Full PDB file with SEQRES, HELIX, SHEET, SSBOND, CRYST1, ORIGX, SCALE, CONECT and MASTER records, all heavy atoms in Angstrom:
SEQRES   1 A   42  PHE TYR LEU THR PHE LEU LEU PRO GLN CYS GLN THR LEU          
SEQRES   2 A   42  LEU GLU SER HIS GLY PHE HIS VAL GLN VAL ARG ASN ASP          
SEQRES   3 A   42  VAL PHE THR GLY ARG LEU ALA ARG LEU ARG LEU VAL ILE          
SEQRES   4 A   42  ALA THR LYS                                                  
HELIX    1 AA1 GLN A    9  SER A   16  1                                   8    
HELIX    2 AA2 GLY A   30  LEU A   32  5                                   3    
SHEET    1 AA1 2 HIS A  20  ARG A  24  0                                        
SHEET    2 AA1 2 LEU A  37  THR A  41 -1                                        
CRYST1    1.000    1.000    1.000  90.00  90.00  90.00 P 1           1          
ORIGX1      1.000000  0.000000  0.000000        0.00000                         
ORIGX2      0.000000  1.000000  0.000000        0.00000                         
ORIGX3      0.000000  0.000000  1.000000        0.00000                         
SCALE1      1.000000  0.000000  0.000000        0.00000                         
SCALE2      0.000000  1.000000  0.000000        0.00000                         
SCALE3      0.000000  0.000000  1.000000        0.00000                         
ATOM      1  N   PHE A   1      73.949  95.162  92.504  1.00  0.00           N  
ATOM      2  CA  PHE A   1      74.515  94.022  93.204  1.00  0.00           C  
ATOM      3  C   PHE A   1      75.778  93.583  92.476  1.00  0.00           C  
ATOM      4  O   PHE A   1      75.943  93.840  91.290  1.00  0.00           O  
ATOM      5  CB  PHE A   1      73.542  92.839  93.239  1.00  0.00           C  
ATOM      6  CG  PHE A   1      72.297  93.107  94.020  1.00  0.00           C  
ATOM      7  CD1 PHE A   1      71.095  93.302  93.372  1.00  0.00           C  
ATOM      8  CD2 PHE A   1      72.320  93.158  95.395  1.00  0.00           C  
ATOM      9  CE1 PHE A   1      69.937  93.544  94.082  1.00  0.00           C  
ATOM     10  CE2 PHE A   1      71.173  93.396  96.121  1.00  0.00           C  
ATOM     11  CZ  PHE A   1      69.981  93.592  95.461  1.00  0.00           C  
ATOM     12  N   TYR A   2      76.668  92.909  93.200  1.00  0.00           N  
ATOM     13  CA  TYR A   2      77.864  92.332  92.602  1.00  0.00           C  
ATOM     14  C   TYR A   2      77.680  90.828  92.484  1.00  0.00           C  
ATOM     15  O   TYR A   2      76.848  90.230  93.143  1.00  0.00           O  
ATOM     16  CB  TYR A   2      79.102  92.615  93.455  1.00  0.00           C  
ATOM     17  CG  TYR A   2      79.522  94.065  93.489  1.00  0.00           C  
ATOM     18  CD1 TYR A   2      79.939  94.652  94.670  1.00  0.00           C  
ATOM     19  CD2 TYR A   2      79.509  94.835  92.346  1.00  0.00           C  
ATOM     20  CE1 TYR A   2      80.338  95.974  94.701  1.00  0.00           C  
ATOM     21  CE2 TYR A   2      79.899  96.153  92.377  1.00  0.00           C  
ATOM     22  CZ  TYR A   2      80.318  96.719  93.552  1.00  0.00           C  
ATOM     23  OH  TYR A   2      80.710  98.020  93.575  1.00  0.00           O  
ATOM     24  N   LEU A   3      78.496  90.199  91.649  1.00  0.00           N  
ATOM     25  CA  LEU A   3      78.534  88.749  91.469  1.00  0.00           C  
ATOM     26  C   LEU A   3      77.214  88.186  90.963  1.00  0.00           C  
ATOM     27  O   LEU A   3      76.835  87.070  91.293  1.00  0.00           O  
ATOM     28  CB  LEU A   3      78.919  88.055  92.790  1.00  0.00           C  
ATOM     29  CG  LEU A   3      80.241  88.473  93.417  1.00  0.00           C  
ATOM     30  CD1 LEU A   3      80.470  87.700  94.707  1.00  0.00           C  
ATOM     31  CD2 LEU A   3      81.399  88.260  92.473  1.00  0.00           C  
ATOM     32  N   THR A   4      76.499  88.939  90.135  1.00  0.00           N  
ATOM     33  CA  THR A   4      75.216  88.446  89.635  1.00  0.00           C  
ATOM     34  C   THR A   4      75.204  88.183  88.127  1.00  0.00           C  
ATOM     35  O   THR A   4      74.296  87.525  87.647  1.00  0.00           O  
ATOM     36  CB  THR A   4      74.086  89.434  89.962  1.00  0.00           C  
ATOM     37  OG1 THR A   4      74.415  90.708  89.429  1.00  0.00           O  
ATOM     38  CG2 THR A   4      73.886  89.552  91.460  1.00  0.00           C  
ATOM     39  N   PHE A   5      76.153  88.688  87.385  1.00  0.00           N  
ATOM     40  CA  PHE A   5      76.171  88.519  85.927  1.00  0.00           C  
ATOM     41  C   PHE A   5      77.605  88.213  85.520  1.00  0.00           C  
ATOM     42  O   PHE A   5      78.330  89.066  85.030  1.00  0.00           O  
ATOM     43  CB  PHE A   5      75.647  89.790  85.255  1.00  0.00           C  
ATOM     44  CG  PHE A   5      75.206  89.582  83.839  1.00  0.00           C  
ATOM     45  CD1 PHE A   5      74.165  88.730  83.524  1.00  0.00           C  
ATOM     46  CD2 PHE A   5      75.838  90.247  82.811  1.00  0.00           C  
ATOM     47  CE1 PHE A   5      73.757  88.550  82.216  1.00  0.00           C  
ATOM     48  CE2 PHE A   5      75.437  90.075  81.489  1.00  0.00           C  
ATOM     49  CZ  PHE A   5      74.390  89.224  81.208  1.00  0.00           C  
ATOM     50  N   LEU A   6      78.037  86.997  85.757  1.00  0.00           N  
ATOM     51  CA  LEU A   6      79.429  86.612  85.594  1.00  0.00           C  
ATOM     52  C   LEU A   6      79.638  85.724  84.379  1.00  0.00           C  
ATOM     53  O   LEU A   6      78.714  85.085  83.888  1.00  0.00           O  
ATOM     54  CB  LEU A   6      79.896  85.852  86.850  1.00  0.00           C  
ATOM     55  CG  LEU A   6      79.816  86.625  88.158  1.00  0.00           C  
ATOM     56  CD1 LEU A   6      80.074  85.705  89.328  1.00  0.00           C  
ATOM     57  CD2 LEU A   6      80.806  87.769  88.153  1.00  0.00           C  
ATOM     58  N   LEU A   7      80.883  85.687  83.912  1.00  0.00           N  
ATOM     59  CA  LEU A   7      81.282  84.712  82.898  1.00  0.00           C  
ATOM     60  C   LEU A   7      81.376  83.371  83.605  1.00  0.00           C  
ATOM     61  O   LEU A   7      81.744  83.322  84.754  1.00  0.00           O  
ATOM     62  CB  LEU A   7      82.648  85.063  82.316  1.00  0.00           C  
ATOM     63  CG  LEU A   7      82.681  86.257  81.375  1.00  0.00           C  
ATOM     64  CD1 LEU A   7      84.120  86.626  81.071  1.00  0.00           C  
ATOM     65  CD2 LEU A   7      81.938  85.984  80.110  1.00  0.00           C  
ATOM     66  N   PRO A   8      81.088  82.276  83.009  1.00  0.00           N  
ATOM     67  CA  PRO A   8      80.611  82.078  81.638  1.00  0.00           C  
ATOM     68  C   PRO A   8      79.093  82.098  81.512  1.00  0.00           C  
ATOM     69  O   PRO A   8      78.567  81.974  80.406  1.00  0.00           O  
ATOM     70  CB  PRO A   8      81.155  80.711  81.285  1.00  0.00           C  
ATOM     71  CG  PRO A   8      81.174  79.963  82.567  1.00  0.00           C  
ATOM     72  CD  PRO A   8      81.492  81.006  83.623  1.00  0.00           C  
ATOM     73  N   GLN A   9      78.359  82.261  82.631  1.00  0.00           N  
ATOM     74  CA  GLN A   9      76.894  82.214  82.570  1.00  0.00           C  
ATOM     75  C   GLN A   9      76.312  83.275  81.644  1.00  0.00           C  
ATOM     76  O   GLN A   9      75.389  82.989  80.861  1.00  0.00           O  
ATOM     77  CB  GLN A   9      76.277  82.359  83.971  1.00  0.00           C  
ATOM     78  CG  GLN A   9      76.597  81.233  84.900  1.00  0.00           C  
ATOM     79  CD  GLN A   9      77.871  81.456  85.701  1.00  0.00           C  
ATOM     80  OE1 GLN A   9      78.644  82.383  85.451  1.00  0.00           O  
ATOM     81  NE2 GLN A   9      78.108  80.584  86.666  1.00  0.00           N  
ATOM     82  N   CYS A  10      76.834  84.510  81.711  1.00  0.00           N  
ATOM     83  CA  CYS A  10      76.285  85.549  80.844  1.00  0.00           C  
ATOM     84  C   CYS A  10      76.603  85.268  79.377  1.00  0.00           C  
ATOM     85  O   CYS A  10      75.777  85.537  78.505  1.00  0.00           O  
ATOM     86  CB  CYS A  10      76.761  86.930  81.262  1.00  0.00           C  
ATOM     87  SG  CYS A  10      78.504  87.247  81.015  1.00  0.00           S  
ATOM     88  N   GLN A  11      77.749  84.694  79.102  1.00  0.00           N  
ATOM     89  CA  GLN A  11      78.093  84.348  77.725  1.00  0.00           C  
ATOM     90  C   GLN A  11      77.133  83.286  77.196  1.00  0.00           C  
ATOM     91  O   GLN A  11      76.610  83.412  76.090  1.00  0.00           O  
ATOM     92  CB  GLN A  11      79.534  83.853  77.642  1.00  0.00           C  
ATOM     93  CG  GLN A  11      79.966  83.538  76.232  1.00  0.00           C  
ATOM     94  CD  GLN A  11      81.440  83.186  76.132  1.00  0.00           C  
ATOM     95  OE1 GLN A  11      82.174  83.220  77.125  1.00  0.00           O  
ATOM     96  NE2 GLN A  11      81.881  82.871  74.944  1.00  0.00           N  
ATOM     97  N   THR A  12      76.877  82.283  77.992  1.00  0.00           N  
ATOM     98  CA  THR A  12      75.943  81.226  77.594  1.00  0.00           C  
ATOM     99  C   THR A  12      74.544  81.794  77.367  1.00  0.00           C  
ATOM    100  O   THR A  12      73.881  81.466  76.380  1.00  0.00           O  
ATOM    101  CB  THR A  12      75.897  80.126  78.676  1.00  0.00           C  
ATOM    102  OG1 THR A  12      77.213  79.595  78.835  1.00  0.00           O  
ATOM    103  CG2 THR A  12      74.934  79.016  78.302  1.00  0.00           C  
ATOM    104  N   LEU A  13      74.094  82.660  78.253  1.00  0.00           N  
ATOM    105  CA  LEU A  13      72.771  83.265  78.129  1.00  0.00           C  
ATOM    106  C   LEU A  13      72.660  84.099  76.862  1.00  0.00           C  
ATOM    107  O   LEU A  13      71.683  83.978  76.110  1.00  0.00           O  
ATOM    108  CB  LEU A  13      72.475  84.121  79.361  1.00  0.00           C  
ATOM    109  CG  LEU A  13      71.140  84.835  79.383  1.00  0.00           C  
ATOM    110  CD1 LEU A  13      69.996  83.831  79.427  1.00  0.00           C  
ATOM    111  CD2 LEU A  13      71.068  85.773  80.572  1.00  0.00           C  
ATOM    112  N   LEU A  14      73.652  84.939  76.608  1.00  0.00           N  
ATOM    113  CA  LEU A  14      73.619  85.775  75.410  1.00  0.00           C  
ATOM    114  C   LEU A  14      73.653  84.928  74.140  1.00  0.00           C  
ATOM    115  O   LEU A  14      72.892  85.177  73.196  1.00  0.00           O  
ATOM    116  CB  LEU A  14      74.784  86.763  75.429  1.00  0.00           C  
ATOM    117  CG  LEU A  14      74.664  87.899  76.440  1.00  0.00           C  
ATOM    118  CD1 LEU A  14      75.999  88.586  76.635  1.00  0.00           C  
ATOM    119  CD2 LEU A  14      73.603  88.894  75.990  1.00  0.00           C  
ATOM    120  N   GLU A  15      74.517  83.930  74.088  1.00  0.00           N  
ATOM    121  CA  GLU A  15      74.600  83.071  72.904  1.00  0.00           C  
ATOM    122  C   GLU A  15      73.309  82.288  72.687  1.00  0.00           C  
ATOM    123  O   GLU A  15      72.890  82.089  71.546  1.00  0.00           O  
ATOM    124  CB  GLU A  15      75.792  82.124  73.035  1.00  0.00           C  
ATOM    125  CG  GLU A  15      77.114  82.846  72.881  1.00  0.00           C  
ATOM    126  CD  GLU A  15      78.331  81.980  73.159  1.00  0.00           C  
ATOM    127  OE1 GLU A  15      78.191  80.874  73.724  1.00  0.00           O  
ATOM    128  OE2 GLU A  15      79.443  82.428  72.815  1.00  0.00           O  
ATOM    129  N   SER A  16      72.652  81.885  73.753  1.00  0.00           N  
ATOM    130  CA  SER A  16      71.395  81.151  73.602  1.00  0.00           C  
ATOM    131  C   SER A  16      70.274  82.034  73.054  1.00  0.00           C  
ATOM    132  O   SER A  16      69.265  81.527  72.569  1.00  0.00           O  
ATOM    133  CB  SER A  16      70.971  80.534  74.937  1.00  0.00           C  
ATOM    134  OG  SER A  16      70.518  81.528  75.836  1.00  0.00           O  
ATOM    135  N   HIS A  17      70.466  83.357  73.130  1.00  0.00           N  
ATOM    136  CA  HIS A  17      69.492  84.294  72.574  1.00  0.00           C  
ATOM    137  C   HIS A  17      69.956  84.898  71.252  1.00  0.00           C  
ATOM    138  O   HIS A  17      69.468  85.939  70.820  1.00  0.00           O  
ATOM    139  CB  HIS A  17      69.190  85.398  73.587  1.00  0.00           C  
ATOM    140  CG  HIS A  17      68.287  84.938  74.673  1.00  0.00           C  
ATOM    141  ND1 HIS A  17      68.752  84.300  75.804  1.00  0.00           N  
ATOM    142  CD2 HIS A  17      66.949  84.977  74.794  1.00  0.00           C  
ATOM    143  CE1 HIS A  17      67.738  83.991  76.579  1.00  0.00           C  
ATOM    144  NE2 HIS A  17      66.631  84.385  75.987  1.00  0.00           N  
ATOM    145  N   GLY A  18      70.915  84.252  70.608  1.00  0.00           N  
ATOM    146  CA  GLY A  18      71.314  84.632  69.265  1.00  0.00           C  
ATOM    147  C   GLY A  18      72.392  85.695  69.158  1.00  0.00           C  
ATOM    148  O   GLY A  18      72.631  86.208  68.067  1.00  0.00           O  
ATOM    149  N   PHE A  19      73.057  86.027  70.245  1.00  0.00           N  
ATOM    150  CA  PHE A  19      74.124  87.015  70.199  1.00  0.00           C  
ATOM    151  C   PHE A  19      75.451  86.340  69.884  1.00  0.00           C  
ATOM    152  O   PHE A  19      75.708  85.217  70.311  1.00  0.00           O  
ATOM    153  CB  PHE A  19      74.249  87.742  71.541  1.00  0.00           C  
ATOM    154  CG  PHE A  19      73.162  88.743  71.793  1.00  0.00           C  
ATOM    155  CD1 PHE A  19      71.980  88.360  72.394  1.00  0.00           C  
ATOM    156  CD2 PHE A  19      73.323  90.071  71.430  1.00  0.00           C  
ATOM    157  CE1 PHE A  19      70.972  89.272  72.631  1.00  0.00           C  
ATOM    158  CE2 PHE A  19      72.322  90.993  71.665  1.00  0.00           C  
ATOM    159  CZ  PHE A  19      71.141  90.593  72.263  1.00  0.00           C  
ATOM    160  N   HIS A  20      76.291  87.061  69.147  1.00  0.00           N  
ATOM    161  CA  HIS A  20      77.678  86.656  68.962  1.00  0.00           C  
ATOM    162  C   HIS A  20      78.456  87.343  70.081  1.00  0.00           C  
ATOM    163  O   HIS A  20      78.379  88.567  70.237  1.00  0.00           O  
ATOM    164  CB  HIS A  20      78.211  87.083  67.594  1.00  0.00           C  
ATOM    165  CG  HIS A  20      79.684  86.909  67.471  1.00  0.00           C  
ATOM    166  ND1 HIS A  20      80.267  85.676  67.343  1.00  0.00           N  
ATOM    167  CD2 HIS A  20      80.685  87.814  67.498  1.00  0.00           C  
ATOM    168  CE1 HIS A  20      81.584  85.835  67.286  1.00  0.00           C  
ATOM    169  NE2 HIS A  20      81.851  87.130  67.370  1.00  0.00           N  
ATOM    170  N   VAL A  21      79.187  86.572  70.876  1.00  0.00           N  
ATOM    171  CA  VAL A  21      79.855  87.117  72.058  1.00  0.00           C  
ATOM    172  C   VAL A  21      81.362  87.060  71.879  1.00  0.00           C  
ATOM    173  O   VAL A  21      81.929  86.013  71.591  1.00  0.00           O  
ATOM    174  CB  VAL A  21      79.448  86.341  73.327  1.00  0.00           C  
ATOM    175  CG1 VAL A  21      80.164  86.893  74.544  1.00  0.00           C  
ATOM    176  CG2 VAL A  21      77.937  86.397  73.523  1.00  0.00           C  
ATOM    177  N   GLN A  22      81.988  88.213  72.069  1.00  0.00           N  
ATOM    178  CA  GLN A  22      83.443  88.312  72.058  1.00  0.00           C  
ATOM    179  C   GLN A  22      83.877  88.725  73.460  1.00  0.00           C  
ATOM    180  O   GLN A  22      83.363  89.707  74.013  1.00  0.00           O  
ATOM    181  CB  GLN A  22      83.900  89.351  71.042  1.00  0.00           C  
ATOM    182  CG  GLN A  22      85.387  89.574  71.030  1.00  0.00           C  
ATOM    183  CD  GLN A  22      85.791  90.761  70.152  1.00  0.00           C  
ATOM    184  OE1 GLN A  22      84.965  91.500  69.649  1.00  0.00           O  
ATOM    185  NE2 GLN A  22      87.086  90.933  69.994  1.00  0.00           N  
ATOM    186  N   VAL A  23      84.799  87.982  74.055  1.00  0.00           N  
ATOM    187  CA  VAL A  23      85.324  88.295  75.382  1.00  0.00           C  
ATOM    188  C   VAL A  23      86.769  88.745  75.226  1.00  0.00           C  
ATOM    189  O   VAL A  23      87.608  88.000  74.736  1.00  0.00           O  
ATOM    190  CB  VAL A  23      85.235  87.072  76.326  1.00  0.00           C  
ATOM    191  CG1 VAL A  23      85.816  87.411  77.694  1.00  0.00           C  
ATOM    192  CG2 VAL A  23      83.806  86.589  76.443  1.00  0.00           C  
ATOM    193  N   ARG A  24      87.041  89.973  75.642  1.00  0.00           N  
ATOM    194  CA  ARG A  24      88.388  90.547  75.526  1.00  0.00           C  
ATOM    195  C   ARG A  24      89.065  90.483  76.882  1.00  0.00           C  
ATOM    196  O   ARG A  24      88.549  91.004  77.869  1.00  0.00           O  
ATOM    197  CB  ARG A  24      88.308  91.997  75.057  1.00  0.00           C  
ATOM    198  CG  ARG A  24      87.619  92.220  73.717  1.00  0.00           C  
ATOM    199  CD  ARG A  24      88.556  92.235  72.541  1.00  0.00           C  
ATOM    200  NE  ARG A  24      89.782  92.956  72.752  1.00  0.00           N  
ATOM    201  CZ  ARG A  24      89.964  94.237  72.470  1.00  0.00           C  
ATOM    202  NH1 ARG A  24      89.000  94.968  71.958  1.00  0.00           N  
ATOM    203  NH2 ARG A  24      91.149  94.801  72.701  1.00  0.00           N  
ATOM    204  N   ASN A  25      90.235  89.866  76.937  1.00  0.00           N  
ATOM    205  CA  ASN A  25      90.994  89.726  78.179  1.00  0.00           C  
ATOM    206  C   ASN A  25      92.075  90.786  78.338  1.00  0.00           C  
ATOM    207  O   ASN A  25      92.723  90.844  79.375  1.00  0.00           O  
ATOM    208  CB  ASN A  25      91.665  88.346  78.228  1.00  0.00           C  
ATOM    209  CG  ASN A  25      90.666  87.231  78.189  1.00  0.00           C  
ATOM    210  OD1 ASN A  25      89.574  87.354  78.724  1.00  0.00           O  
ATOM    211  ND2 ASN A  25      91.032  86.147  77.544  1.00  0.00           N  
ATOM    212  N   ASP A  26      92.270  91.623  77.340  1.00  0.00           N  
ATOM    213  CA  ASP A  26      93.427  92.520  77.309  1.00  0.00           C  
ATOM    214  C   ASP A  26      93.083  93.997  77.459  1.00  0.00           C  
ATOM    215  O   ASP A  26      93.886  94.859  77.114  1.00  0.00           O  
ATOM    216  CB  ASP A  26      94.167  92.316  75.992  1.00  0.00           C  
ATOM    217  CG  ASP A  26      93.267  92.583  74.782  1.00  0.00           C  
ATOM    218  OD1 ASP A  26      92.046  92.730  74.957  1.00  0.00           O  
ATOM    219  OD2 ASP A  26      93.797  92.640  73.656  1.00  0.00           O  
ATOM    220  N   VAL A  27      91.922  94.310  78.002  1.00  0.00           N  
ATOM    221  CA  VAL A  27      91.478  95.700  78.051  1.00  0.00           C  
ATOM    222  C   VAL A  27      91.855  96.380  79.363  1.00  0.00           C  
ATOM    223  O   VAL A  27      92.328  97.513  79.370  1.00  0.00           O  
ATOM    224  CB  VAL A  27      89.951  95.784  77.829  1.00  0.00           C  
ATOM    225  CG1 VAL A  27      89.445  97.200  77.996  1.00  0.00           C  
ATOM    226  CG2 VAL A  27      89.600  95.243  76.449  1.00  0.00           C  
ATOM    227  N   PHE A  28      91.683  95.707  80.468  1.00  0.00           N  
ATOM    228  CA  PHE A  28      91.867  96.315  81.779  1.00  0.00           C  
ATOM    229  C   PHE A  28      93.223  95.946  82.371  1.00  0.00           C  
ATOM    230  O   PHE A  28      93.728  94.856  82.152  1.00  0.00           O  
ATOM    231  CB  PHE A  28      90.746  95.878  82.727  1.00  0.00           C  
ATOM    232  CG  PHE A  28      89.382  96.245  82.226  1.00  0.00           C  
ATOM    233  CD1 PHE A  28      88.581  95.302  81.600  1.00  0.00           C  
ATOM    234  CD2 PHE A  28      88.907  97.539  82.366  1.00  0.00           C  
ATOM    235  CE1 PHE A  28      87.323  95.632  81.125  1.00  0.00           C  
ATOM    236  CE2 PHE A  28      87.651  97.879  81.887  1.00  0.00           C  
ATOM    237  CZ  PHE A  28      86.860  96.930  81.269  1.00  0.00           C  
ATOM    238  N   THR A  29      93.779  96.863  83.148  1.00  0.00           N  
ATOM    239  CA  THR A  29      95.076  96.638  83.784  1.00  0.00           C  
ATOM    240  C   THR A  29      94.986  96.989  85.265  1.00  0.00           C  
ATOM    241  O   THR A  29      93.987  97.533  85.721  1.00  0.00           O  
ATOM    242  CB  THR A  29      96.168  97.497  83.123  1.00  0.00           C  
ATOM    243  OG1 THR A  29      95.824  98.877  83.279  1.00  0.00           O  
ATOM    244  CG2 THR A  29      96.336  97.156  81.653  1.00  0.00           C  
ATOM    245  N   GLY A  30      96.047  96.706  85.977  1.00  0.00           N  
ATOM    246  CA  GLY A  30      96.109  97.058  87.390  1.00  0.00           C  
ATOM    247  C   GLY A  30      95.074  96.306  88.206  1.00  0.00           C  
ATOM    248  O   GLY A  30      94.860  95.111  88.018  1.00  0.00           O  
ATOM    249  N   ARG A  31      94.406  97.023  89.110  1.00  0.00           N  
ATOM    250  CA  ARG A  31      93.400  96.404  89.974  1.00  0.00           C  
ATOM    251  C   ARG A  31      92.214  95.845  89.204  1.00  0.00           C  
ATOM    252  O   ARG A  31      91.500  94.985  89.689  1.00  0.00           O  
ATOM    253  CB  ARG A  31      92.895  97.418  90.992  1.00  0.00           C  
ATOM    254  CG  ARG A  31      93.910  97.763  92.049  1.00  0.00           C  
ATOM    255  CD  ARG A  31      93.408  98.752  93.051  1.00  0.00           C  
ATOM    256  NE  ARG A  31      91.962  98.720  93.228  1.00  0.00           N  
ATOM    257  CZ  ARG A  31      91.276  99.644  93.855  1.00  0.00           C  
ATOM    258  NH1 ARG A  31      91.871 100.675  94.368  1.00  0.00           N  
ATOM    259  NH2 ARG A  31      89.977  99.548  93.963  1.00  0.00           N  
ATOM    260  N   LEU A  32      91.991  96.339  87.999  1.00  0.00           N  
ATOM    261  CA  LEU A  32      90.860  95.886  87.186  1.00  0.00           C  
ATOM    262  C   LEU A  32      91.231  94.771  86.216  1.00  0.00           C  
ATOM    263  O   LEU A  32      90.416  94.354  85.403  1.00  0.00           O  
ATOM    264  CB  LEU A  32      90.275  97.064  86.411  1.00  0.00           C  
ATOM    265  CG  LEU A  32      89.761  98.228  87.252  1.00  0.00           C  
ATOM    266  CD1 LEU A  32      89.291  99.358  86.356  1.00  0.00           C  
ATOM    267  CD2 LEU A  32      88.660  97.778  88.185  1.00  0.00           C  
ATOM    268  N   ALA A  33      92.453  94.270  86.293  1.00  0.00           N  
ATOM    269  CA  ALA A  33      92.945  93.281  85.326  1.00  0.00           C  
ATOM    270  C   ALA A  33      92.117  91.992  85.329  1.00  0.00           C  
ATOM    271  O   ALA A  33      92.121  91.266  84.339  1.00  0.00           O  
ATOM    272  CB  ALA A  33      94.409  92.960  85.606  1.00  0.00           C  
ATOM    273  N   ARG A  34      91.408  91.708  86.401  1.00  0.00           N  
ATOM    274  CA  ARG A  34      90.575  90.496  86.455  1.00  0.00           C  
ATOM    275  C   ARG A  34      89.305  90.623  85.614  1.00  0.00           C  
ATOM    276  O   ARG A  34      88.646  89.636  85.331  1.00  0.00           O  
ATOM    277  CB  ARG A  34      90.178  90.195  87.895  1.00  0.00           C  
ATOM    278  CG  ARG A  34      91.325  89.774  88.754  1.00  0.00           C  
ATOM    279  CD  ARG A  34      90.823  89.458  90.163  1.00  0.00           C  
ATOM    280  NE  ARG A  34      91.902  89.132  91.028  1.00  0.00           N  
ATOM    281  CZ  ARG A  34      92.472  89.987  91.868  1.00  0.00           C  
ATOM    282  NH1 ARG A  34      92.034  91.226  91.940  1.00  0.00           N  
ATOM    283  NH2 ARG A  34      93.459  89.607  92.636  1.00  0.00           N  
ATOM    284  N   LEU A  35      88.943  91.859  85.263  1.00  0.00           N  
ATOM    285  CA  LEU A  35      87.726  92.073  84.488  1.00  0.00           C  
ATOM    286  C   LEU A  35      87.932  91.710  83.023  1.00  0.00           C  
ATOM    287  O   LEU A  35      89.034  91.790  82.491  1.00  0.00           O  
ATOM    288  CB  LEU A  35      87.280  93.532  84.572  1.00  0.00           C  
ATOM    289  CG  LEU A  35      86.774  93.989  85.928  1.00  0.00           C  
ATOM    290  CD1 LEU A  35      86.472  95.476  85.881  1.00  0.00           C  
ATOM    291  CD2 LEU A  35      85.556  93.200  86.349  1.00  0.00           C  
ATOM    292  N   ARG A  36      86.850  91.322  82.399  1.00  0.00           N  
ATOM    293  CA  ARG A  36      86.839  91.022  80.969  1.00  0.00           C  
ATOM    294  C   ARG A  36      85.821  91.924  80.295  1.00  0.00           C  
ATOM    295  O   ARG A  36      84.735  92.147  80.839  1.00  0.00           O  
ATOM    296  CB  ARG A  36      86.447  89.558  80.716  1.00  0.00           C  
ATOM    297  CG  ARG A  36      87.329  88.541  81.419  1.00  0.00           C  
ATOM    298  CD  ARG A  36      88.756  88.647  80.913  1.00  0.00           C  
ATOM    299  NE  ARG A  36      89.633  87.701  81.568  1.00  0.00           N  
ATOM    300  CZ  ARG A  36      90.583  88.050  82.427  1.00  0.00           C  
ATOM    301  NH1 ARG A  36      90.758  89.305  82.754  1.00  0.00           N  
ATOM    302  NH2 ARG A  36      91.367  87.141  82.953  1.00  0.00           N  
ATOM    303  N   LEU A  37      86.160  92.451  79.143  1.00  0.00           N  
ATOM    304  CA  LEU A  37      85.219  93.246  78.364  1.00  0.00           C  
ATOM    305  C   LEU A  37      84.429  92.292  77.486  1.00  0.00           C  
ATOM    306  O   LEU A  37      85.009  91.493  76.741  1.00  0.00           O  
ATOM    307  CB  LEU A  37      85.955  94.275  77.500  1.00  0.00           C  
ATOM    308  CG  LEU A  37      85.045  95.226  76.743  1.00  0.00           C  
ATOM    309  CD1 LEU A  37      84.365  96.184  77.714  1.00  0.00           C  
ATOM    310  CD2 LEU A  37      85.825  95.997  75.704  1.00  0.00           C  
ATOM    311  N   VAL A  38      83.121  92.368  77.577  1.00  0.00           N  
ATOM    312  CA  VAL A  38      82.245  91.508  76.794  1.00  0.00           C  
ATOM    313  C   VAL A  38      81.548  92.378  75.749  1.00  0.00           C  
ATOM    314  O   VAL A  38      80.955  93.410  76.074  1.00  0.00           O  
ATOM    315  CB  VAL A  38      81.205  90.803  77.675  1.00  0.00           C  
ATOM    316  CG1 VAL A  38      80.256  89.956  76.841  1.00  0.00           C  
ATOM    317  CG2 VAL A  38      81.895  89.972  78.742  1.00  0.00           C  
ATOM    318  N   ILE A  39      81.639  91.943  74.501  1.00  0.00           N  
ATOM    319  CA  ILE A  39      80.961  92.634  73.395  1.00  0.00           C  
ATOM    320  C   ILE A  39      80.012  91.636  72.769  1.00  0.00           C  
ATOM    321  O   ILE A  39      80.434  90.601  72.246  1.00  0.00           O  
ATOM    322  CB  ILE A  39      81.993  93.131  72.348  1.00  0.00           C  
ATOM    323  CG1 ILE A  39      83.028  94.031  73.024  1.00  0.00           C  
ATOM    324  CG2 ILE A  39      81.283  93.841  71.204  1.00  0.00           C  
ATOM    325  CD1 ILE A  39      84.237  94.318  72.176  1.00  0.00           C  
ATOM    326  N   ALA A  40      78.722  91.911  72.885  1.00  0.00           N  
ATOM    327  CA  ALA A  40      77.702  91.015  72.365  1.00  0.00           C  
ATOM    328  C   ALA A  40      76.935  91.729  71.259  1.00  0.00           C  
ATOM    329  O   ALA A  40      76.355  92.792  71.468  1.00  0.00           O  
ATOM    330  CB  ALA A  40      76.747  90.591  73.479  1.00  0.00           C  
ATOM    331  N   THR A  41      76.965  91.148  70.073  1.00  0.00           N  
ATOM    332  CA  THR A  41      76.283  91.729  68.923  1.00  0.00           C  
ATOM    333  C   THR A  41      75.299  90.730  68.344  1.00  0.00           C  
ATOM    334  O   THR A  41      75.425  89.520  68.524  1.00  0.00           O  
ATOM    335  CB  THR A  41      77.284  92.151  67.842  1.00  0.00           C  
ATOM    336  OG1 THR A  41      78.062  91.003  67.467  1.00  0.00           O  
ATOM    337  CG2 THR A  41      78.208  93.249  68.336  1.00  0.00           C  
ATOM    338  N   LYS A  42      74.319  91.266  67.645  1.00  0.00           N  
ATOM    339  CA  LYS A  42      73.296  90.408  67.047  1.00  0.00           C  
ATOM    340  C   LYS A  42      73.023  90.903  65.645  1.00  0.00           C  
ATOM    341  O   LYS A  42      72.824  92.108  65.422  1.00  0.00           O  
ATOM    342  CB  LYS A  42      72.029  90.464  67.897  1.00  0.00           C  
ATOM    343  CG  LYS A  42      71.030  89.394  67.587  1.00  0.00           C  
ATOM    344  CD  LYS A  42      69.932  89.385  68.638  1.00  0.00           C  
ATOM    345  CE  LYS A  42      69.072  88.180  68.473  1.00  0.00           C  
ATOM    346  NZ  LYS A  42      68.007  88.125  69.497  1.00  0.00           N  
TER     347      LYS A  42                                                      
MASTER        0    0    0    2    2    0    0    6  346    1    0    4          
END                                                                             
């Protein structure tokens, strides 16, 4: 499905479970430029 795991809800969910979340805005270009790369580590 689409539109089910979006920022900022997924960031809040991951952080509430102890993950450190980094959101990168500079990874995708062109038609994908609206996407953000999320890196969640624990």
